[in-house]
C-alpha cells in the first residue's frame, strides 16, 4: 500500500516590511524608458495574489523609503481585504534602516502577540 504525506500549512498572520505591489511596477517607475514587463521573467506580482491571503496582514512602511515608493506599497495595501489589514509607518526611516528603529521591534512584538 502506498502511503502519502499531506502537509497543510496555515499562517495566522503575515508581516510585510516595505513591500511592493509588483517588481515590474517598481522597476518601471525607476526606468520608464525601458519595456520592463518584457525584460523581466519573474513579475513578483503580489497585488494579484493579495485577495487569496486569509491571514491577518501587517504592513510596515518606512516614511523615507527611496527603494520602494509609497505608491507601490499603497497599491498593494489597496489589494488586500481591509478587514484583515493593519498598516504602520515608521517615521524618519528609510528602506535600509527601518529595523534600526526601536519602534520596529515593539510593533512587531505587539502584532505577533495579537495573533
PDB file of N, CA and C in Angstrom:
ATOM      1  N   UNK A   1       0.847  -1.172   0.000  1.00  0.00           N
ATOM      2  CA  UNK A   1       0.000   0.000   0.000  1.00  0.00           C
ATOM      3  C   UNK A   1       0.895   1.238   0.000  1.00  0.00           C
ATOM      4  N   UNK A   2       0.606   2.129  -0.897  1.00  0.00           N
ATOM      5  CA  UNK A   2       1.358   3.380  -0.998  1.00  0.00           C
ATOM      6  C   UNK A   2       0.789   4.394  -0.018  1.00  0.00           C
ATOM      7  N   UNK A   3       1.674   5.001   0.760  1.00  0.00           N
ATOM      8  CA  UNK A   3       1.247   5.998   1.730  1.00  0.00           C
ATOM      9  C   UNK A   3       1.637   7.383   1.247  1.00  0.00           C
ATOM     10  N   UNK A   4       0.809   8.334   1.544  1.00  0.00           N
ATOM     11  CA  UNK A   4       1.069   9.727   1.174  1.00  0.00           C
ATOM     12  C   UNK A   4       1.118  10.579   2.426  1.00  0.00           C
ATOM     13  N   UNK A   5       1.959  11.544   2.384  1.00  0.00           N
ATOM     14  CA  UNK A   5       2.051  12.515   3.465  1.00  0.00           C
ATOM     15  C   UNK A   5       1.539  13.842   2.937  1.00  0.00           C
ATOM     16  N   UNK A   6       0.549  14.377   3.586  1.00  0.00           N
ATOM     17  CA  UNK A   6      -0.011  15.667   3.194  1.00  0.00           C
ATOM     18  C   UNK A   6       0.311  16.660   4.297  1.00  0.00           C
ATOM     19  N   UNK A   7       0.952  17.744   3.923  1.00  0.00           N
ATOM     20  CA  UNK A   7       1.287  18.789   4.882  1.00  0.00           C
ATOM     21  C   UNK A   7       0.440  20.006   4.567  1.00  0.00           C
ATOM     22  N   UNK A   8      -0.292  20.438   5.558  1.00  0.00           N
ATOM     23  CA  UNK A   8      -1.121  21.630   5.392  1.00  0.00           C
ATOM     24  C   UNK A   8      -0.542  22.720   6.270  1.00  0.00           C
ATOM     25  N   UNK A   9      -0.277  23.845   5.670  1.00  0.00           N
ATOM     26  CA  UNK A   9       0.283  24.973   6.406  1.00  0.00           C
ATOM     27  C   UNK A   9      -0.687  26.134   6.341  1.00  0.00           C
ATOM     28  N   UNK A  10      -0.961  26.701   7.488  1.00  0.00           N
ATOM     29  CA  UNK A  10      -1.848  27.861   7.522  1.00  0.00           C
ATOM     30  C   UNK A  10      -1.223  28.937   8.402  1.00  0.00           C
ATOM     31  N   UNK A  11      -0.961  30.062   7.825  1.00  0.00           N
ATOM     32  CA  UNK A  11      -0.411  31.170   8.597  1.00  0.00           C
ATOM     33  C   UNK A  11      -1.553  31.958   9.218  1.00  0.00           C
ATOM     34  N   UNK A  12      -1.366  32.317  10.466  1.00  0.00           N
ATOM     35  CA  UNK A  12      -2.367  33.135  11.133  1.00  0.00           C
ATOM     36  C   UNK A  12      -2.137  34.600  10.859  1.00  0.00           C
ATOM     37  N   UNK A  13      -0.879  34.956  10.629  1.00  0.00           N
ATOM     38  CA  UNK A  13      -0.556  36.354  10.360  1.00  0.00           C
ATOM     39  C   UNK A  13       0.683  36.448   9.484  1.00  0.00           C
ATOM     40  N   UNK A  14       0.795  37.583   8.810  1.00  0.00           N
ATOM     41  CA  UNK A  14       1.911  37.820   7.903  1.00  0.00           C
ATOM     42  C   UNK A  14       2.340  39.275   8.034  1.00  0.00           C
ATOM     43  N   UNK A  15       3.623  39.477   8.281  1.00  0.00           N
ATOM     44  CA  UNK A  15       4.171  40.834   8.353  1.00  0.00           C
ATOM     45  C   UNK A  15       4.932  41.114   7.060  1.00  0.00           C
ATOM     46  N   UNK A  16       4.628  42.226   6.429  1.00  0.00           N
ATOM     47  CA  UNK A  16       5.290  42.637   5.196  1.00  0.00           C
ATOM     48  C   UNK A  16       6.017  43.946   5.469  1.00  0.00           C
ATOM     49  N   UNK A  17       7.321  43.913   5.338  1.00  0.00           N
ATOM     50  CA  UNK A  17       8.142  45.080   5.644  1.00  0.00           C
ATOM     51  C   UNK A  17       8.549  45.751   4.335  1.00  0.00           C
ATOM     52  N   UNK A  18       8.195  47.000   4.173  1.00  0.00           N
ATOM     53  CA  UNK A  18       8.432  47.805   2.967  1.00  0.00           C
ATOM     54  C   UNK A  18       8.096  47.025   1.679  1.00  0.00           C
ATOM     55  N   UNK A  19       6.870  46.478   1.600  1.00  0.00           N
ATOM     56  CA  UNK A  19       6.507  45.659   0.441  1.00  0.00           C
ATOM     57  C   UNK A  19       6.125  46.492  -0.782  1.00  0.00           C
ATOM     58  N   UNK A  20       6.001  45.812  -1.911  1.00  0.00           N
ATOM     59  CA  UNK A  20       5.595  46.466  -3.159  1.00  0.00           C
ATOM     60  C   UNK A  20       4.541  45.637  -3.866  1.00  0.00           C
ATOM     61  N   UNK A  21       3.808  46.273  -4.761  1.00  0.00           N
ATOM     62  CA  UNK A  21       2.745  45.579  -5.482  1.00  0.00           C
ATOM     63  C   UNK A  21       3.296  44.596  -6.504  1.00  0.00           C
ATOM     64  N   UNK A  22       4.315  44.996  -7.253  1.00  0.00           N
ATOM     65  CA  UNK A  22       4.990  44.089  -8.187  1.00  0.00           C
ATOM     66  C   UNK A  22       6.361  44.662  -8.535  1.00  0.00           C
ATOM     67  N   UNK A  23       7.273  43.782  -8.821  1.00  0.00           N
ATOM     68  CA  UNK A  23       8.621  44.237  -9.181  1.00  0.00           C
ATOM     69  C   UNK A  23       8.587  44.966 -10.526  1.00  0.00           C
ATOM     70  N   UNK A  24       7.696  44.561 -11.409  1.00  0.00           N
ATOM     71  CA  UNK A  24       7.586  45.224 -12.714  1.00  0.00           C
ATOM     72  C   UNK A  24       7.245  46.704 -12.521  1.00  0.00           C
ATOM     73  N   UNK A  25       6.248  46.974 -11.683  1.00  0.00           N
ATOM     74  CA  UNK A  25       5.857  48.368 -11.455  1.00  0.00           C
ATOM     75  C   UNK A  25       6.965  49.168 -10.776  1.00  0.00           C
ATOM     76  N   UNK A  26       7.638  48.549  -9.813  1.00  0.00           N
ATOM     77  CA  UNK A  26       8.711  49.248  -9.105  1.00  0.00           C
ATOM     78  C   UNK A  26       9.870  49.592 -10.034  1.00  0.00           C
ATOM     79  N   UNK A  27      10.255  48.657 -10.881  1.00  0.00           N
ATOM     80  CA  UNK A  27      11.362  48.906 -11.810  1.00  0.00           C
ATOM     81  C   UNK A  27      10.925  49.872 -12.911  1.00  0.00           C
ATOM     82  N   UNK A  28       9.685  49.746 -13.370  1.00  0.00           N
ATOM     83  CA  UNK A  28       9.178  50.647 -14.406  1.00  0.00           C
ATOM     84  C   UNK A  28       9.176  52.092 -13.918  1.00  0.00           C
ATOM     85  N   UNK A  29       8.865  52.308 -12.635  1.00  0.00           N
ATOM     86  CA  UNK A  29       8.921  53.656 -12.063  1.00  0.00           C
ATOM     87  C   UNK A  29      10.324  54.243 -12.184  1.00  0.00           C
ATOM     88  N   UNK A  30      11.306  53.421 -11.971  1.00  0.00           N
ATOM     89  CA  UNK A  30      12.693  53.878 -11.957  1.00  0.00           C
ATOM     90  C   UNK A  30      13.275  54.022 -13.366  1.00  0.00           C
ATOM     91  N   UNK A  31      12.900  53.100 -14.254  1.00  0.00           N
ATOM     92  CA  UNK A  31      13.451  53.077 -15.614  1.00  0.00           C
ATOM     93  C   UNK A  31      12.312  53.132 -16.632  1.00  0.00           C
ATOM     94  N   UNK A  32      11.658  54.250 -16.705  1.00  0.00           N
ATOM     95  CA  UNK A  32      10.440  54.376 -17.511  1.00  0.00           C
ATOM     96  C   UNK A  32      10.647  54.240 -19.018  1.00  0.00           C
ATOM     97  N   UNK A  33      11.861  54.404 -19.500  1.00  0.00           N
ATOM     98  CA  UNK A  33      12.086  54.319 -20.950  1.00  0.00           C
ATOM     99  C   UNK A  33      12.231  52.885 -21.448  1.00  0.00           C
ATOM    100  N   UNK A  34      12.356  51.925 -20.534  1.00  0.00           N
ATOM    101  CA  UNK A  34      12.545  50.525 -20.926  1.00  0.00           C
ATOM    102  C   UNK A  34      11.250  49.734 -20.810  1.00  0.00           C
ATOM    103  N   UNK A  35      11.054  48.747 -21.684  1.00  0.00           N
ATOM    104  CA  UNK A  35       9.855  47.893 -21.596  1.00  0.00           C
ATOM    105  C   UNK A  35      10.055  46.810 -20.525  1.00  0.00           C
ATOM    106  N   UNK A  36       9.986  47.213 -19.284  1.00  0.00           N
ATOM    107  CA  UNK A  36      10.325  46.347 -18.150  1.00  0.00           C
ATOM    108  C   UNK A  36       9.517  45.051 -18.155  1.00  0.00           C
ATOM    109  N   UNK A  37       8.235  45.131 -18.453  1.00  0.00           N
ATOM    110  CA  UNK A  37       7.408  43.921 -18.427  1.00  0.00           C
ATOM    111  C   UNK A  37       7.883  42.872 -19.425  1.00  0.00           C
ATOM    112  N   UNK A  38       8.543  43.317 -20.478  1.00  0.00           N
ATOM    113  CA  UNK A  38       9.078  42.373 -21.461  1.00  0.00           C
ATOM    114  C   UNK A  38      10.465  41.845 -21.061  1.00  0.00           C
ATOM    115  N   UNK A  39      11.164  42.601 -20.254  1.00  0.00           N
ATOM    116  CA  UNK A  39      12.525  42.237 -19.865  1.00  0.00           C
ATOM    117  C   UNK A  39      12.588  41.330 -18.637  1.00  0.00           C
ATOM    118  N   UNK A  40      11.610  41.431 -17.768  1.00  0.00           N
ATOM    119  CA  UNK A  40      11.619  40.635 -16.535  1.00  0.00           C
ATOM    120  C   UNK A  40      10.791  39.368 -16.705  1.00  0.00           C
ATOM    121  N   UNK A  41      11.410  38.254 -16.407  1.00  0.00           N
ATOM    122  CA  UNK A  41      10.684  36.980 -16.473  1.00  0.00           C
ATOM    123  C   UNK A  41       9.784  36.816 -15.244  1.00  0.00           C
ATOM    124  N   UNK A  42      10.346  37.032 -14.063  1.00  0.00           N
ATOM    125  CA  UNK A  42       9.586  36.933 -12.823  1.00  0.00           C
ATOM    126  C   UNK A  42       8.969  38.284 -12.508  1.00  0.00           C
ATOM    127  N   UNK A  43       7.661  38.312 -12.336  1.00  0.00           N
ATOM    128  CA  UNK A  43       6.937  39.575 -12.139  1.00  0.00           C
ATOM    129  C   UNK A  43       6.752  39.921 -10.667  1.00  0.00           C
ATOM    130  N   UNK A  44       6.793  38.932  -9.802  1.00  0.00           N
ATOM    131  CA  UNK A  44       6.565  39.147  -8.366  1.00  0.00           C
ATOM    132  C   UNK A  44       5.355  40.054  -8.154  1.00  0.00           C
ATOM    133  N   UNK A  45       4.244  39.626  -8.707  1.00  0.00           N
ATOM    134  CA  UNK A  45       3.004  40.401  -8.665  1.00  0.00           C
ATOM    135  C   UNK A  45       2.220  40.075  -7.395  1.00  0.00           C
ATOM    136  N   UNK A  46       2.611  40.677  -6.313  1.00  0.00           N
ATOM    137  CA  UNK A  46       1.985  40.436  -5.012  1.00  0.00           C
ATOM    138  C   UNK A  46       0.541  40.924  -4.977  1.00  0.00           C
ATOM    139  N   UNK A  47       0.269  42.033  -5.613  1.00  0.00           N
ATOM    140  CA  UNK A  47      -1.078  42.603  -5.586  1.00  0.00           C
ATOM    141  C   UNK A  47      -2.118  41.643  -6.168  1.00  0.00           C
ATOM    142  N   UNK A  48      -1.765  40.916  -7.203  1.00  0.00           N
ATOM    143  CA  UNK A  48      -2.727  39.993  -7.819  1.00  0.00           C
ATOM    144  C   UNK A  48      -3.037  38.799  -6.921  1.00  0.00           C
ATOM    145  N   UNK A  49      -2.188  38.526  -5.948  1.00  0.00           N
ATOM    146  CA  UNK A  49      -2.385  37.400  -5.040  1.00  0.00           C
ATOM    147  C   UNK A  49      -2.970  37.816  -3.688  1.00  0.00           C
ATOM    148  N   UNK A  50      -3.086  39.084  -3.452  1.00  0.00           N
ATOM    149  CA  UNK A  50      -3.456  39.606  -2.135  1.00  0.00           C
ATOM    150  C   UNK A  50      -4.805  39.095  -1.635  1.00  0.00           C
ATOM    151  N   UNK A  51      -5.790  39.024  -2.477  1.00  0.00           N
ATOM    152  CA  UNK A  51      -7.132  38.601  -2.044  1.00  0.00           C
ATOM    153  C   UNK A  51      -7.170  37.129  -1.624  1.00  0.00           C
ATOM    154  N   UNK A  52      -6.193  36.345  -2.043  1.00  0.00           N
ATOM    155  CA  UNK A  52      -6.152  34.919  -1.714  1.00  0.00           C
ATOM    156  C   UNK A  52      -5.566  34.656  -0.329  1.00  0.00           C
ATOM    157  N   UNK A  53      -5.014  35.674   0.295  1.00  0.00           N
ATOM    158  CA  UNK A  53      -4.375  35.500   1.594  1.00  0.00           C
ATOM    159  C   UNK A  53      -5.434  35.604   2.688  1.00  0.00           C
ATOM    160  N   UNK A  54      -5.499  34.583   3.519  1.00  0.00           N
ATOM    161  CA  UNK A  54      -6.512  34.537   4.578  1.00  0.00           C
ATOM    162  C   UNK A  54      -5.971  34.917   5.947  1.00  0.00           C
ATOM    163  N   UNK A  55      -4.716  35.269   6.020  1.00  0.00           N
ATOM    164  CA  UNK A  55      -4.083  35.629   7.295  1.00  0.00           C
ATOM    165  C   UNK A  55      -4.305  37.106   7.602  1.00  0.00           C
ATOM    166  N   UNK A  56      -4.054  37.459   8.870  1.00  0.00           N
ATOM    167  CA  UNK A  56      -4.009  38.877   9.234  1.00  0.00           C
ATOM    168  C   UNK A  56      -2.721  39.443   8.643  1.00  0.00           C
ATOM    169  N   UNK A  57      -2.812  40.602   8.034  1.00  0.00           N
ATOM    170  CA  UNK A  57      -1.671  41.208   7.350  1.00  0.00           C
ATOM    171  C   UNK A  57      -1.231  42.461   8.096  1.00  0.00           C
ATOM    172  N   UNK A  58       0.060  42.560   8.307  1.00  0.00           N
ATOM    173  CA  UNK A  58       0.647  43.744   8.938  1.00  0.00           C
ATOM    174  C   UNK A  58       1.670  44.311   7.967  1.00  0.00           C
ATOM    175  N   UNK A  59       1.405  45.516   7.467  1.00  0.00           N
ATOM    176  CA  UNK A  59       2.307  46.186   6.540  1.00  0.00           C
ATOM    177  C   UNK A  59       3.055  47.275   7.293  1.00  0.00           C
ATOM    178  N   UNK A  60       4.379  47.226   7.203  1.00  0.00           N
ATOM    179  CA  UNK A  60       5.218  48.233   7.847  1.00  0.00           C
ATOM    180  C   UNK A  60       5.935  49.011   6.753  1.00  0.00           C
ATOM    181  N   UNK A  61       5.701  50.306   6.729  1.00  0.00           N
ATOM    182  CA  UNK A  61       6.311  51.189   5.731  1.00  0.00           C
ATOM    183  C   UNK A  61       7.359  52.077   6.392  1.00  0.00           C
ATOM    184  N   UNK A  62       8.370  52.436   5.626  1.00  0.00           N
ATOM    185  CA  UNK A  62       9.366  53.409   6.076  1.00  0.00           C
ATOM    186  C   UNK A  62       8.995  54.756   5.452  1.00  0.00           C
ATOM    187  N   UNK A  63       8.885  55.782   6.263  1.00  0.00           N
ATOM    188  CA  UNK A  63       8.443  57.092   5.792  1.00  0.00           C
ATOM    189  C   UNK A  63       9.324  57.624   4.662  1.00  0.00           C
ATOM    190  N   UNK A  64      10.627  57.419   4.751  1.00  0.00           N
ATOM    191  CA  UNK A  64      11.569  57.982   3.772  1.00  0.00           C
ATOM    192  C   UNK A  64      12.131  56.926   2.825  1.00  0.00           C
ATOM    193  N   UNK A  65      11.332  55.930   2.503  1.00  0.00           N
ATOM    194  CA  UNK A  65      11.794  54.841   1.639  1.00  0.00           C
ATOM    195  C   UNK A  65      12.037  55.351   0.220  1.00  0.00           C
ATOM    196  N   UNK A  66      13.259  55.232  -0.244  1.00  0.00           N
ATOM    197  CA  UNK A  66      13.609  55.639  -1.611  1.00  0.00           C
ATOM    198  C   UNK A  66      13.749  54.422  -2.534  1.00  0.00           C
ATOM    199  N   UNK A  67      13.740  53.227  -1.960  1.00  0.00           N
ATOM    200  CA  UNK A  67      13.853  51.992  -2.748  1.00  0.00           C
ATOM    201  C   UNK A  67      12.476  51.565  -3.247  1.00  0.00           C
ATOM    202  N   UNK A  68      11.522  51.489  -2.329  1.00  0.00           N
ATOM    203  CA  UNK A  68      10.140  51.144  -2.681  1.00  0.00           C
ATOM    204  C   UNK A  68       9.300  52.400  -2.453  1.00  0.00           C
ATOM    205  N   UNK A  69       8.807  52.958  -3.533  1.00  0.00           N
ATOM    206  CA  UNK A  69       7.986  54.169  -3.429  1.00  0.00           C
ATOM    207  C   UNK A  69       6.700  53.874  -2.660  1.00  0.00           C
ATOM    208  N   UNK A  70       6.234  54.860  -1.930  1.00  0.00           N
ATOM    209  CA  UNK A  70       4.992  54.726  -1.159  1.00  0.00           C
ATOM    210  C   UNK A  70       3.827  54.317  -2.054  1.00  0.00           C
ATOM    211  N   UNK A  71       3.823  54.795  -3.279  1.00  0.00           N
ATOM    212  CA  UNK A  71       2.757  54.447  -4.222  1.00  0.00           C
ATOM    213  C   UNK A  71       2.704  52.938  -4.479  1.00  0.00           C
ATOM    214  N   UNK A  72       3.854  52.287  -4.558  1.00  0.00           N
ATOM    215  CA  UNK A  72       3.914  50.844  -4.804  1.00  0.00           C
ATOM    216  C   UNK A  72       3.354  50.076  -3.609  1.00  0.00           C
ATOM    217  N   UNK A  73       3.693  50.527  -2.412  1.00  0.00           N
ATOM    218  CA  UNK A  73       3.160  49.884  -1.213  1.00  0.00           C
ATOM    219  C   UNK A  73       1.670  50.158  -1.085  1.00  0.00           C
ATOM    220  N   UNK A  74       1.253  51.365  -1.389  1.00  0.00           N
ATOM    221  CA  UNK A  74      -0.157  51.724  -1.302  1.00  0.00           C
ATOM    222  C   UNK A  74      -1.001  50.874  -2.254  1.00  0.00           C
ATOM    223  N   UNK A  75      -0.507  50.612  -3.445  1.00  0.00           N
ATOM    224  CA  UNK A  75      -1.240  49.771  -4.406  1.00  0.00           C
ATOM    225  C   UNK A  75      -1.415  48.357  -3.849  1.00  0.00           C
ATOM    226  N   UNK A  76      -0.403  47.853  -3.167  1.00  0.00           N
ATOM    227  CA  UNK A  76      -0.515  46.535  -2.550  1.00  0.00           C
ATOM    228  C   UNK A  76      -1.529  46.578  -1.411  1.00  0.00           C
ATOM    229  N   UNK A  77      -1.455  47.593  -0.583  1.00  0.00           N
ATOM    230  CA  UNK A  77      -2.398  47.745   0.529  1.00  0.00           C
ATOM    231  C   UNK A  77      -3.837  47.753   0.011  1.00  0.00           C
ATOM    232  N   UNK A  78      -4.083  48.465  -1.065  1.00  0.00           N
ATOM    233  CA  UNK A  78      -5.424  48.550  -1.652  1.00  0.00           C
ATOM    234  C   UNK A  78      -5.924  47.203  -2.164  1.00  0.00           C
ATOM    235  N   UNK A  79      -5.011  46.303  -2.462  1.00  0.00           N
ATOM    236  CA  UNK A  79      -5.390  44.993  -2.989  1.00  0.00           C
ATOM    237  C   UNK A  79      -5.825  44.013  -1.895  1.00  0.00           C
ATOM    238  N   UNK A  80      -5.485  44.286  -0.639  1.00  0.00           N
ATOM    239  CA  UNK A  80      -5.831  43.399   0.460  1.00  0.00           C
ATOM    240  C   UNK A  80      -7.252  43.635   0.957  1.00  0.00           C
ATOM    241  N   UNK A  81      -7.793  42.625   1.613  1.00  0.00           N
ATOM    242  CA  UNK A  81      -9.056  42.743   2.327  1.00  0.00           C
ATOM    243  C   UNK A  81      -8.768  43.606   3.557  1.00  0.00           C
ATOM    244  N   UNK A  82      -9.359  44.786   3.625  1.00  0.00           N
ATOM    245  CA  UNK A  82      -9.029  45.735   4.693  1.00  0.00           C
ATOM    246  C   UNK A  82      -9.438  45.258   6.086  1.00  0.00           C
ATOM    247  N   UNK A  83     -10.347  44.303   6.176  1.00  0.00           N
ATOM    248  CA  UNK A  83     -10.748  43.803   7.492  1.00  0.00           C
ATOM    249  C   UNK A  83      -9.639  42.989   8.150  1.00  0.00           C
ATOM    250  N   UNK A  84      -8.668  42.540   7.372  1.00  0.00           N
ATOM    251  CA  UNK A  84      -7.560  41.740   7.891  1.00  0.00           C
ATOM    252  C   UNK A  84      -6.245  42.519   7.908  1.00  0.00           C
ATOM    253  N   UNK A  85      -6.314  43.814   7.685  1.00  0.00           N
ATOM    254  CA  UNK A  85      -5.116  44.600   7.423  1.00  0.00           C
ATOM    255  C   UNK A  85      -4.812  45.621   8.509  1.00  0.00           C
ATOM    256  N   UNK A  86      -3.537  45.727   8.844  1.00  0.00           N
ATOM    257  CA  UNK A  86      -3.039  46.761   9.745  1.00  0.00           C
ATOM    258  C   UNK A  86      -1.812  47.371   9.065  1.00  0.00           C
ATOM    259  N   UNK A  87      -1.731  48.693   9.043  1.00  0.00           N
ATOM    260  CA  UNK A  87      -0.615  49.390   8.384  1.00  0.00           C
ATOM    261  C   UNK A  87       0.020  50.356   9.376  1.00  0.00           C
ATOM    262  N   UNK A  88       1.336  50.345   9.419  1.00  0.00           N
ATOM    263  CA  UNK A  88       2.084  51.263  10.270  1.00  0.00           C
ATOM    264  C   UNK A  88       3.212  51.885   9.457  1.00  0.00           C
ATOM    265  N   UNK A  89       3.416  53.176   9.660  1.00  0.00           N
ATOM    266  CA  UNK A  89       4.529  53.886   9.020  1.00  0.00           C
ATOM    267  C   UNK A  89       5.520  54.265  10.117  1.00  0.00           C
ATOM    268  N   UNK A  90       6.774  53.865   9.920  1.00  0.00           N
ATOM    269  CA  UNK A  90       7.815  54.260  10.866  1.00  0.00           C
ATOM    270  C   UNK A  90       8.453  55.532  10.334  1.00  0.00           C
ATOM    271  N   UNK A  91       8.319  56.578  11.112  1.00  0.00           N
ATOM    272  CA  UNK A  91       8.778  57.903  10.683  1.00  0.00           C
ATOM    273  C   UNK A  91      10.297  58.016  10.727  1.00  0.00           C
ATOM    274  N   UNK A  92      10.791  58.877   9.841  1.00  0.00           N
ATOM    275  CA  UNK A  92      12.221  59.212   9.773  1.00  0.00           C
ATOM    276  C   UNK A  92      13.114  57.999   9.534  1.00  0.00           C
ATOM    277  N   UNK A  93      12.592  57.012   8.846  1.00  0.00           N
ATOM    278  CA  UNK A  93      13.381  55.826   8.495  1.00  0.00           C
ATOM    279  C   UNK A  93      13.249  55.557   7.006  1.00  0.00           C
ATOM    280  N   UNK A  94      14.262  54.867   6.477  1.00  0.00           N
ATOM    281  CA  UNK A  94      14.255  54.517   5.059  1.00  0.00           C
ATOM    282  C   UNK A  94      14.217  52.993   4.910  1.00  0.00           C
ATOM    283  N   UNK A  95      14.243  52.544   3.699  1.00  0.00           N
ATOM    284  CA  UNK A  95      14.147  51.123   3.376  1.00  0.00           C
ATOM    285  C   UNK A  95      15.226  50.308   4.088  1.00  0.00           C
ATOM    286  N   UNK A  96      16.437  50.829   4.115  1.00  0.00           N
ATOM    287  CA  UNK A  96      17.567  50.059   4.628  1.00  0.00           C
ATOM    288  C   UNK A  96      17.845  50.226   6.116  1.00  0.00           C
ATOM    289  N   UNK A  97      17.185  51.167   6.767  1.00  0.00           N
ATOM    290  CA  UNK A  97      17.450  51.337   8.202  1.00  0.00           C
ATOM    291  C   UNK A  97      16.187  51.231   9.068  1.00  0.00           C
ATOM    292  N   UNK A  98      15.117  50.755   8.498  1.00  0.00           N
ATOM    293  CA  UNK A  98      13.854  50.669   9.233  1.00  0.00           C
ATOM    294  C   UNK A  98      13.987  49.792  10.479  1.00  0.00           C
ATOM    295  N   UNK A  99      14.744  48.720  10.391  1.00  0.00           N
ATOM    296  CA  UNK A  99      14.863  47.804  11.527  1.00  0.00           C
ATOM    297  C   UNK A  99      15.771  48.339  12.635  1.00  0.00           C
ATOM    298  N   UNK A 100      16.413  49.472  12.407  1.00  0.00           N
ATOM    299  CA  UNK A 100      17.246  50.081  13.441  1.00  0.00           C
ATOM    300  C   UNK A 100      16.420  50.898  14.429  1.00  0.00           C
ATOM    301  N   UNK A 101      15.182  51.166  14.073  1.00  0.00           N
ATOM    302  CA  UNK A 101      14.309  51.958  14.935  1.00  0.00           C
ATOM    303  C   UNK A 101      13.766  51.088  16.070  1.00  0.00           C
ATOM    304  N   UNK A 102      13.811  51.598  17.284  1.00  0.00           N
ATOM    305  CA  UNK A 102      13.314  50.853  18.450  1.00  0.00           C
ATOM    306  C   UNK A 102      11.839  50.488  18.299  1.00  0.00           C
ATOM    307  N   UNK A 103      11.066  51.353  17.645  1.00  0.00           N
ATOM    308  CA  UNK A 103       9.636  51.104  17.460  1.00  0.00           C
ATOM    309  C   UNK A 103       9.382  49.872  16.588  1.00  0.00           C
ATOM    310  N   UNK A 104      10.307  49.595  15.679  1.00  0.00           N
ATOM    311  CA  UNK A 104      10.157  48.470  14.751  1.00  0.00           C
ATOM    312  C   UNK A 104       9.927  47.167  15.519  1.00  0.00           C
ATOM    313  N   UNK A 105      10.791  46.870  16.459  1.00  0.00           N
ATOM    314  CA  UNK A 105      10.683  45.615  17.200  1.00  0.00           C
ATOM    315  C   UNK A 105       9.472  45.594  18.118  1.00  0.00           C
ATOM    316  N   UNK A 106       9.126  46.723  18.668  1.00  0.00           N
ATOM    317  CA  UNK A 106       7.955  46.820  19.539  1.00  0.00           C
ATOM    318  C   UNK A 106       6.669  46.547  18.757  1.00  0.00           C
ATOM    319  N   UNK A 107       6.522  47.160  17.595  1.00  0.00           N
ATOM    320  CA  UNK A 107       5.296  46.954  16.816  1.00  0.00           C
ATOM    321  C   UNK A 107       5.219  45.527  16.283  1.00  0.00           C
ATOM    322  N   UNK A 108       6.371  44.928  15.975  1.00  0.00           N
ATOM    323  CA  UNK A 108       6.369  43.535  15.520  1.00  0.00           C
ATOM    324  C   UNK A 108       5.950  42.606  16.663  1.00  0.00           C
ATOM    325  N   UNK A 109       6.488  42.830  17.841  1.00  0.00           N
ATOM    326  CA  UNK A 109       6.104  42.009  19.004  1.00  0.00           C
ATOM    327  C   UNK A 109       4.618  42.158  19.304  1.00  0.00           C
ATOM    328  N   UNK A 110       4.122  43.383  19.245  1.00  0.00           N
ATOM    329  CA  UNK A 110       2.704  43.628  19.514  1.00  0.00           C
ATOM    330  C   UNK A 110       1.816  42.920  18.493  1.00  0.00           C
ATOM    331  N   UNK A 111       2.213  42.960  17.239  1.00  0.00           N
ATOM    332  CA  UNK A 111       1.424  42.311  16.186  1.00  0.00           C
ATOM    333  C   UNK A 111       1.381  40.797  16.396  1.00  0.00           C
ATOM    334  N   UNK A 112       2.520  40.221  16.702  1.00  0.00           N
ATOM    335  CA  UNK A 112       2.580  38.772  16.924  1.00  0.00           C
ATOM    336  C   UNK A 112       1.769  38.395  18.166  1.00  0.00           C
ATOM    337  N   UNK A 113       1.836  39.201  19.199  1.00  0.00           N
ATOM    338  CA  UNK A 113       1.079  38.933  20.433  1.00  0.00           C
ATOM    339  C   UNK A 113      -0.433  38.992  20.196  1.00  0.00           C
ATOM    340  N   UNK A 114      -0.855  39.855  19.275  1.00  0.00           N
ATOM    341  CA  UNK A 114      -2.285  39.966  18.953  1.00  0.00           C
ATOM    342  C   UNK A 114      -2.803  38.708  18.278  1.00  0.00           C
ATOM    343  N   UNK A 115      -1.902  38.032  17.539  1.00  0.00           N
ATOM    344  CA  UNK A 115      -2.237  36.875  16.733  1.00  0.00           C
ATOM    345  C   UNK A 115      -3.118  35.889  17.383  1.00  0.00           C
TER     346      UNK A 115
END
